[in-house]
Amino acid sequence: MESGNYSPKGYQSVTPYFHVRDAGKLIDFLIQAFQGERLNLHTDDNGFLVHSEVRIGSTIVEVSEAKGEYPARPNTLHIFVEDTDACYRRALDAGARSLYEPADMPYGERSAGVEDPFGNYWYIATFNKGSGSGYY
């Protein structure tokens, strides 16, 4: 289902949102590891990052500084990239910890896993079975 006129241009129906400490550092990680593009960054009068948007491939993720009622909490994401091995190396260079090295999986993708410095798990994958229309 495509997003309609009820959502901003470029947004998917489900948009990952990260509340982290040192949000600017997560944005830097997303840019370095996943070749993200920072789209917007909004701070309050005290310089507190209240909202930002980063495009990774065809998806926009949102990032803000954790505080009070919005505490830091980790996410788990499955990210499709052109080259799993290269992206895995970039993620490690950007400070991620390896969960598992790149390997061909029986369900049709080359996959690797990392944990970023903020506790988020990223399953990095390149779909290589069939035309890319899904696993089923």
Protein backbone atom coordinates (compact mmCIF):
# COMPACT_ATOMS: atom_id res chain seq x y z
CA MET A 1 0.00 0.00 0.00
CA GLU A 2 1.38 3.36 -0.98
CA SER A 3 1.17 6.28 1.39
CA GLY A 4 -1.58 8.66 0.34
CA ASN A 5 -2.31 12.32 0.88
CA TYR A 6 -2.60 11.58 4.60
CA SER A 7 1.18 11.20 4.99
CA PRO A 8 4.18 13.33 4.02
CA LYS A 9 5.80 12.73 0.65
CA GLY A 10 8.47 10.03 0.83
CA TYR A 11 7.11 8.39 3.97
CA GLN A 12 6.12 4.73 4.15
CA SER A 13 2.96 3.70 5.99
CA VAL A 14 5.15 2.59 8.92
CA THR A 15 8.07 4.84 9.85
CA PRO A 16 10.78 3.81 12.33
CA TYR A 17 11.30 6.34 15.12
CA PHE A 18 14.37 6.38 17.38
CA HIS A 19 14.53 8.02 20.81
CA VAL A 20 18.21 7.89 21.85
CA ARG A 21 20.73 9.69 23.98
CA ASP A 22 23.19 11.64 21.77
CA ALA A 23 20.76 11.70 18.83
CA GLY A 24 23.24 13.61 16.67
CA LYS A 25 25.66 10.70 16.98
CA LEU A 26 22.99 8.25 15.82
CA ILE A 27 22.38 10.47 12.79
CA ASP A 28 26.12 10.40 12.05
CA PHE A 29 26.07 6.60 12.37
CA LEU A 30 23.13 6.30 9.95
CA ILE A 31 24.92 8.48 7.42
CA GLN A 32 28.23 6.59 7.67
CA ALA A 33 26.93 3.02 7.98
CA PHE A 34 23.88 3.11 5.72
CA GLN A 35 24.71 6.05 3.43
CA GLY A 36 21.81 7.97 4.95
CA GLU A 37 20.90 11.51 3.98
CA ARG A 38 19.89 13.97 6.68
CA LEU A 39 16.73 15.72 5.54
CA ASN A 40 15.60 17.80 8.52
CA LEU A 41 16.86 18.65 11.96
CA HIS A 42 14.81 20.64 14.47
CA THR A 43 16.11 21.83 17.83
CA ASP A 44 14.45 23.83 20.56
CA ASP A 45 15.76 27.15 21.90
CA ASN A 46 18.21 25.25 24.14
CA GLY A 47 19.69 23.24 21.25
CA PHE A 48 17.84 20.04 22.24
CA LEU A 49 17.16 17.86 19.18
CA VAL A 50 13.39 17.44 19.17
CA HIS A 51 12.97 15.90 15.70
CA SER A 52 15.04 14.89 12.70
CA GLU A 53 14.60 12.86 9.54
CA VAL A 54 17.15 10.71 7.73
CA ARG A 55 16.54 8.96 4.42
CA ILE A 56 18.06 5.50 4.12
CA GLY A 57 17.41 4.08 0.67
CA SER A 58 13.68 4.42 0.06
CA THR A 59 12.75 4.85 3.74
CA ILE A 60 12.74 7.85 6.04
CA VAL A 61 13.56 7.23 9.71
CA GLU A 62 12.96 9.77 12.45
CA VAL A 63 15.34 10.48 15.32
CA SER A 64 15.01 12.56 18.47
CA GLU A 65 16.81 13.01 21.74
CA ALA A 66 15.43 10.82 24.53
CA LYS A 67 13.94 12.57 27.54
CA GLY A 68 11.33 12.14 30.25
CA GLU A 69 8.24 10.57 28.76
CA TYR A 70 10.21 9.50 25.67
CA PRO A 71 13.07 7.41 27.11
CA ALA A 72 15.80 5.80 25.05
CA ARG A 73 14.80 2.36 23.88
CA PRO A 74 16.33 0.07 21.27
CA ASN A 75 14.74 -0.97 17.97
CA THR A 76 15.34 -3.91 15.64
CA LEU A 77 15.30 -3.25 11.89
CA HIS A 78 15.76 -5.31 8.72
CA ILE A 79 17.48 -3.15 6.11
CA PHE A 80 17.88 -4.08 2.44
CA VAL A 81 21.03 -2.83 0.73
CA GLU A 82 22.81 -3.37 -2.57
CA ASP A 83 25.91 -4.93 -0.96
CA THR A 84 25.53 -6.61 2.44
CA ASP A 85 29.27 -7.13 2.92
CA ALA A 86 30.21 -3.50 2.22
CA CYS A 87 27.40 -2.15 4.42
CA TYR A 88 28.41 -4.52 7.24
CA ARG A 89 32.00 -3.22 7.07
CA ARG A 90 30.80 0.41 7.07
CA ALA A 91 28.63 -0.28 10.11
CA LEU A 92 31.57 -1.81 11.99
CA ASP A 93 33.77 1.14 10.99
CA ALA A 94 31.06 3.48 12.33
CA GLY A 95 31.19 1.78 15.74
CA ALA A 96 28.73 -1.11 15.50
CA ARG A 97 29.34 -4.50 17.13
CA SER A 98 28.96 -7.63 15.02
CA LEU A 99 26.03 -9.92 15.79
CA TYR A 100 26.88 -12.23 12.88
CA GLU A 101 29.06 -11.94 9.78
CA PRO A 102 27.64 -11.84 6.24
CA ALA A 103 26.34 -15.21 5.09
CA ASP A 104 23.99 -16.61 2.47
CA MET A 105 20.73 -17.64 4.13
CA PRO A 106 18.46 -20.51 3.03
CA TYR A 107 15.52 -18.11 2.65
CA GLY A 108 17.09 -16.21 -0.23
CA GLU A 109 19.15 -13.35 1.12
CA ARG A 110 22.72 -12.55 2.03
CA SER A 111 22.49 -11.26 5.57
CA ALA A 112 24.61 -9.86 8.40
CA GLY A 113 23.73 -8.44 11.80
CA VAL A 114 25.11 -5.57 13.85
CA GLU A 115 24.26 -3.72 17.04
CA ASP A 116 24.81 0.02 16.76
CA PRO A 117 26.33 2.06 19.63
CA PHE A 118 22.77 2.87 20.83
CA GLY A 119 21.63 -0.73 21.29
CA ASN A 120 19.64 -1.00 18.05
CA TYR A 121 19.91 -4.23 16.08
CA TRP A 122 20.23 -3.98 12.30
CA TYR A 123 19.78 -7.04 10.09
CA ILE A 124 21.52 -6.02 6.86
CA ALA A 125 20.39 -7.96 3.79
CA THR A 126 20.54 -8.24 0.04
CA PHE A 127 17.67 -10.25 -1.44
CA ASN A 128 19.14 -12.58 -4.05
CA LYS A 129 16.46 -15.15 -4.77
CA GLY A 130 14.08 -14.64 -7.66
CA SER A 131 12.91 -11.23 -8.77
CA GLY A 132 12.75 -9.65 -5.32
CA SER A 133 8.98 -9.90 -5.03
CA GLY A 134 9.08 -11.47 -1.58
CA TYR A 135 10.03 -14.62 0.21
CA TYR A 136 6.83 -16.50 -0.57
